[in-house]
Amino acid sequence: MLWQSCKTTNQTQAQAVTQEVTTSPFSNGVPAQVVVIGGQEYKYPIIAIWVEDLSGNFIGTVYASQSISTGIFRYGVYDKGKWLPGERNRPAALPRWKNLIALNASWVNQGVDAFSGATPSGSFALKTMLPSEMVELKVVMEVNKPWDFNNYWHNNRFPGDGEYATSGQPALIYEALVSMSSTGNRFYFKPVGHSNPSGANGEVYPDISTFTSALKIIDNAWVEIVR
């Protein structure tokens, strides 16, 4: 992982970005891009990226994988010995984001089309907008790869928990603190915790010492203000 040395390697990594995703989550916003560099374990993860104020209040989503946005998963229905695409509720996929969406549905006026998109197959740049009325904010990213088990988060850790059984290592949470008044224009994500392993709530748990391969899904990521 390159979380501590990202500033000296981002130019090389940015050259590896071959895919772009565009969303329009906020009208009259500030142009920005979120660059995500896939790591060794980047294999079609489920991702959501959203904005919060510095107190942690949800503002709106800037990107979410199409599967979690629509509820139609590539491996959604098990039929005649095969996994097929289909509708499925997976609370353990991105519990933090799903919880925030549910809690704020009454006042956040965002249609799914404003932020939903297919998960890129590798490193990508998300061309998007950030709220223009906010001088300082947090951009939060939640990432999960289904069936990603290790010696701690093994498939029998929570016997009988069908939701955990589809996840393994829980979704990881990353944050980037963004200041519109800063002279710099790049703000780097850092891992700050993980979500509930079965999706039972939207809490963030700070201890990620038991995580292994999940920490290699994302190699590096940053928010860049387009000035």
Protein backbone atom coordinates (compact mmCIF):
# COMPACT_ATOMS: atom_id res chain seq x y z
CA MET A 1 0.00 0.00 0.00
CA LEU A 2 1.13 3.57 -0.67
CA TRP A 3 -0.91 5.54 1.82
CA GLN A 4 2.16 7.10 3.45
CA SER A 5 4.16 7.76 0.29
CA CYS A 6 1.33 8.76 -2.03
CA LYS A 7 2.53 12.29 -2.71
CA THR A 8 5.76 11.08 -4.34
CA THR A 9 4.10 8.42 -6.49
CA ASN A 10 0.82 9.95 -7.61
CA GLN A 11 2.15 11.20 -10.95
CA THR A 12 3.17 7.69 -12.01
CA GLN A 13 -0.04 6.22 -10.68
CA ALA A 14 -2.21 8.81 -12.40
CA GLN A 15 -0.68 7.74 -15.71
CA ALA A 16 -2.08 4.24 -15.04
CA VAL A 17 -5.66 5.53 -15.00
CA THR A 18 -7.30 4.27 -18.16
CA GLN A 19 -11.00 4.59 -17.33
CA GLU A 20 -13.26 7.53 -16.58
CA VAL A 21 -16.65 7.72 -14.90
CA THR A 22 -18.77 10.89 -14.93
CA THR A 23 -21.52 11.83 -12.48
CA SER A 24 -23.54 15.00 -11.83
CA PRO A 25 -24.63 14.80 -8.19
CA PHE A 26 -24.85 18.53 -7.40
CA SER A 27 -26.13 21.36 -9.58
CA ASN A 28 -23.79 24.34 -9.92
CA GLY A 29 -21.07 22.51 -8.00
CA VAL A 30 -17.29 22.78 -8.01
CA PRO A 31 -15.66 20.56 -10.67
CA ALA A 32 -13.55 17.83 -9.13
CA GLN A 33 -12.25 14.36 -9.79
CA VAL A 34 -11.70 11.41 -7.52
CA VAL A 35 -8.79 9.27 -8.66
CA VAL A 36 -8.81 5.65 -7.48
CA ILE A 37 -5.74 3.47 -8.07
CA GLY A 38 -6.58 -0.21 -7.88
CA GLY A 39 -4.33 -2.52 -5.89
CA GLN A 40 -3.48 -6.21 -6.13
CA GLU A 41 -6.94 -7.23 -4.90
CA TYR A 42 -8.96 -4.83 -7.05
CA LYS A 43 -11.35 -7.29 -8.70
CA TYR A 44 -14.69 -5.56 -9.34
CA PRO A 45 -15.25 -4.28 -5.79
CA ILE A 46 -18.42 -2.50 -4.71
CA ILE A 47 -17.76 1.20 -4.08
CA ALA A 48 -19.67 4.24 -2.84
CA ILE A 49 -18.28 7.77 -2.54
CA TRP A 50 -20.13 10.56 -0.80
CA VAL A 51 -19.76 13.99 0.84
CA GLU A 52 -20.12 14.84 4.53
CA ASP A 53 -19.54 18.04 6.45
CA LEU A 54 -16.76 18.09 9.06
CA SER A 55 -19.25 17.03 11.74
CA GLY A 56 -20.08 13.86 9.80
CA ASN A 57 -23.47 14.96 8.48
CA PHE A 58 -24.36 13.36 5.16
CA ILE A 59 -24.60 15.80 2.23
CA GLY A 60 -24.97 13.60 -0.84
CA THR A 61 -23.56 10.78 -2.95
CA VAL A 62 -21.12 11.43 -5.80
CA TYR A 63 -20.73 7.82 -6.96
CA ALA A 64 -22.05 4.34 -6.17
CA SER A 65 -21.57 1.07 -8.00
CA GLN A 66 -24.56 0.23 -10.13
CA SER A 67 -25.18 -3.07 -8.33
CA ILE A 68 -25.57 -1.48 -4.88
CA SER A 69 -27.52 1.48 -6.32
CA THR A 70 -30.08 -0.61 -8.17
CA GLY A 71 -30.05 -3.83 -6.12
CA ILE A 72 -29.27 -5.91 -9.24
CA PHE A 73 -26.12 -7.94 -8.61
CA ARG A 74 -24.02 -9.94 -11.05
CA TYR A 75 -24.31 -12.90 -8.69
CA GLY A 76 -27.74 -12.18 -7.27
CA VAL A 77 -29.73 -15.37 -7.76
CA TYR A 78 -28.60 -18.97 -7.27
CA ASP A 79 -30.50 -21.22 -9.66
CA LYS A 80 -29.83 -24.81 -10.71
CA GLY A 81 -26.30 -24.79 -9.36
CA LYS A 82 -25.30 -21.47 -10.92
CA TRP A 83 -25.11 -17.86 -9.79
CA LEU A 84 -27.03 -15.58 -12.13
CA PRO A 85 -27.65 -11.81 -12.27
CA GLY A 86 -30.67 -10.80 -10.23
CA GLU A 87 -32.19 -8.61 -7.56
CA ARG A 88 -30.85 -9.05 -4.06
CA ASN A 89 -30.59 -7.09 -0.83
CA ARG A 90 -27.03 -7.25 0.51
CA PRO A 91 -26.84 -5.24 3.75
CA ALA A 92 -23.22 -6.27 4.37
CA ALA A 93 -21.99 -4.90 1.05
CA LEU A 94 -21.76 -1.17 1.98
CA PRO A 95 -23.49 -0.78 5.37
CA ARG A 96 -22.32 2.74 6.13
CA TRP A 97 -23.53 4.22 2.85
CA LYS A 98 -26.79 2.26 2.80
CA ASN A 99 -27.55 3.41 6.35
CA LEU A 100 -26.87 7.06 5.50
CA ILE A 101 -29.06 6.85 2.41
CA ALA A 102 -31.93 5.42 4.46
CA LEU A 103 -31.60 7.96 7.27
CA ASN A 104 -31.46 10.96 4.93
CA ALA A 105 -33.91 9.85 2.22
CA SER A 106 -36.53 12.39 3.31
CA TRP A 107 -34.42 15.43 2.48
CA VAL A 108 -31.60 14.39 0.13
CA ASN A 109 -33.08 14.89 -3.31
CA GLN A 110 -30.85 12.75 -5.50
CA GLY A 111 -31.99 10.33 -8.17
CA VAL A 112 -29.94 7.17 -8.66
CA ASP A 113 -29.01 8.27 -12.19
CA ALA A 114 -27.15 11.25 -10.75
CA PHE A 115 -24.44 9.10 -9.18
CA SER A 116 -24.78 5.46 -10.27
CA GLY A 117 -22.38 3.75 -12.64
CA ALA A 118 -20.79 0.42 -13.47
CA THR A 119 -17.72 -0.43 -11.37
CA PRO A 120 -14.60 0.16 -13.51
CA SER A 121 -12.43 -2.90 -14.08
CA GLY A 122 -9.29 -1.08 -12.89
CA SER A 123 -7.89 2.28 -11.83
CA PHE A 124 -10.24 5.12 -12.71
CA ALA A 125 -10.93 8.83 -12.50
CA LEU A 126 -14.39 9.94 -11.39
CA LYS A 127 -15.29 13.28 -12.99
CA THR A 128 -17.86 14.85 -10.69
CA MET A 129 -18.95 17.93 -8.74
CA LEU A 130 -18.66 18.91 -5.09
CA PRO A 131 -21.05 21.30 -3.30
CA SER A 132 -20.08 24.87 -4.10
CA GLU A 133 -21.36 26.32 -0.81
CA MET A 134 -18.94 24.30 1.36
CA VAL A 135 -15.43 25.60 2.08
CA GLU A 136 -14.36 22.50 4.01
CA LEU A 137 -15.81 19.01 3.69
CA LYS A 138 -15.07 15.31 3.84
CA VAL A 139 -15.21 12.97 0.88
CA VAL A 140 -15.82 9.45 2.14
CA MET A 141 -15.31 6.20 0.25
CA GLU A 142 -16.61 2.77 1.28
CA VAL A 143 -15.15 -0.29 -0.47
CA ASN A 144 -15.98 -3.99 -0.26
CA LYS A 145 -15.19 -7.14 -2.23
CA PRO A 146 -17.64 -10.02 -1.64
CA TRP A 147 -16.42 -13.33 -0.25
CA ASP A 148 -13.08 -11.83 0.80
CA PHE A 149 -12.16 -14.03 3.79
CA ASN A 150 -8.93 -14.31 5.79
CA ASN A 151 -7.75 -16.13 8.93
CA TYR A 152 -9.64 -13.72 11.21
CA TRP A 153 -12.68 -12.95 9.08
CA HIS A 154 -13.20 -16.59 8.12
CA ASN A 155 -16.41 -18.13 6.78
CA ASN A 156 -17.38 -19.61 10.16
CA ARG A 157 -16.74 -16.54 12.30
CA PHE A 158 -20.48 -15.81 12.65
CA PRO A 159 -22.25 -19.17 12.15
CA GLY A 160 -25.72 -18.78 10.70
CA ASP A 161 -25.21 -15.16 9.64
CA GLY A 162 -26.07 -15.33 5.97
CA GLU A 163 -25.29 -11.65 5.37
CA TYR A 164 -21.76 -11.91 6.76
CA ALA A 165 -21.24 -15.07 4.70
CA THR A 166 -21.45 -13.04 1.47
CA SER A 167 -18.83 -10.53 2.62
CA GLY A 168 -15.93 -11.83 4.72
CA GLN A 169 -13.70 -8.89 5.59
CA PRO A 170 -16.16 -6.02 6.10
CA ALA A 171 -16.31 -2.90 3.96
CA LEU A 172 -13.46 -0.46 4.56
CA ILE A 173 -14.02 3.27 5.06
CA TYR A 174 -11.64 5.91 3.69
CA GLU A 175 -11.80 9.69 4.19
CA ALA A 176 -10.26 12.70 2.46
CA LEU A 177 -10.45 16.12 4.12
CA VAL A 178 -10.97 18.77 1.45
CA SER A 179 -10.44 22.52 1.81
CA MET A 180 -11.57 24.73 -1.05
CA SER A 181 -9.43 27.56 0.33
CA SER A 182 -6.21 25.52 0.28
CA THR A 183 -3.44 26.48 -2.13
CA GLY A 184 -3.10 22.81 -3.01
CA ASN A 185 -5.69 20.97 -5.06
CA ARG A 186 -5.11 17.31 -4.10
CA PHE A 187 -6.44 15.71 -0.94
CA TYR A 188 -5.57 12.12 -0.15
CA PHE A 189 -7.76 9.38 1.27
CA LYS A 190 -6.75 7.53 4.43
CA PRO A 191 -8.39 4.41 5.90
CA VAL A 192 -10.34 5.30 9.06
CA GLY A 193 -12.15 2.07 9.92
CA HIS A 194 -14.56 -0.58 8.73
CA SER A 195 -18.31 -1.14 8.59
CA ASN A 196 -20.46 -3.66 10.44
CA PRO A 197 -19.60 -7.19 9.23
CA SER A 198 -23.22 -8.19 8.62
CA GLY A 199 -24.68 -4.78 7.79
CA ALA A 200 -26.64 -4.60 11.04
CA ASN A 201 -25.93 -0.87 11.46
CA GLY A 202 -24.08 2.05 9.90
CA GLU A 203 -21.37 2.41 12.54
CA VAL A 204 -17.67 2.83 11.73
CA TYR A 205 -15.26 0.65 13.71
CA PRO A 206 -11.71 2.08 13.80
CA ASP A 207 -9.68 -1.13 14.34
CA ILE A 208 -8.54 -2.52 10.98
CA SER A 209 -5.58 -4.52 12.33
CA THR A 210 -7.26 -7.81 11.31
CA PHE A 211 -7.60 -6.81 7.66
CA THR A 212 -5.27 -8.22 5.02
CA SER A 213 -6.28 -8.60 1.36
CA ALA A 214 -9.08 -6.02 1.75
CA LEU A 215 -6.44 -3.34 2.33
CA LYS A 216 -4.98 -4.18 -1.08
CA ILE A 217 -8.17 -3.46 -3.02
CA ILE A 218 -7.29 0.25 -3.19
CA ASP A 219 -3.62 1.14 -3.55
CA ASN A 220 -4.06 4.90 -3.43
CA ALA A 221 -6.81 7.49 -3.95
CA TRP A 222 -7.25 11.23 -3.86
CA VAL A 223 -9.69 14.07 -4.52
CA GLU A 224 -8.54 16.72 -6.96
CA ILE A 225 -10.22 20.12 -7.29
CA VAL A 226 -10.30 21.31 -10.90
CA ARG A 227 -9.39 24.98 -10.75
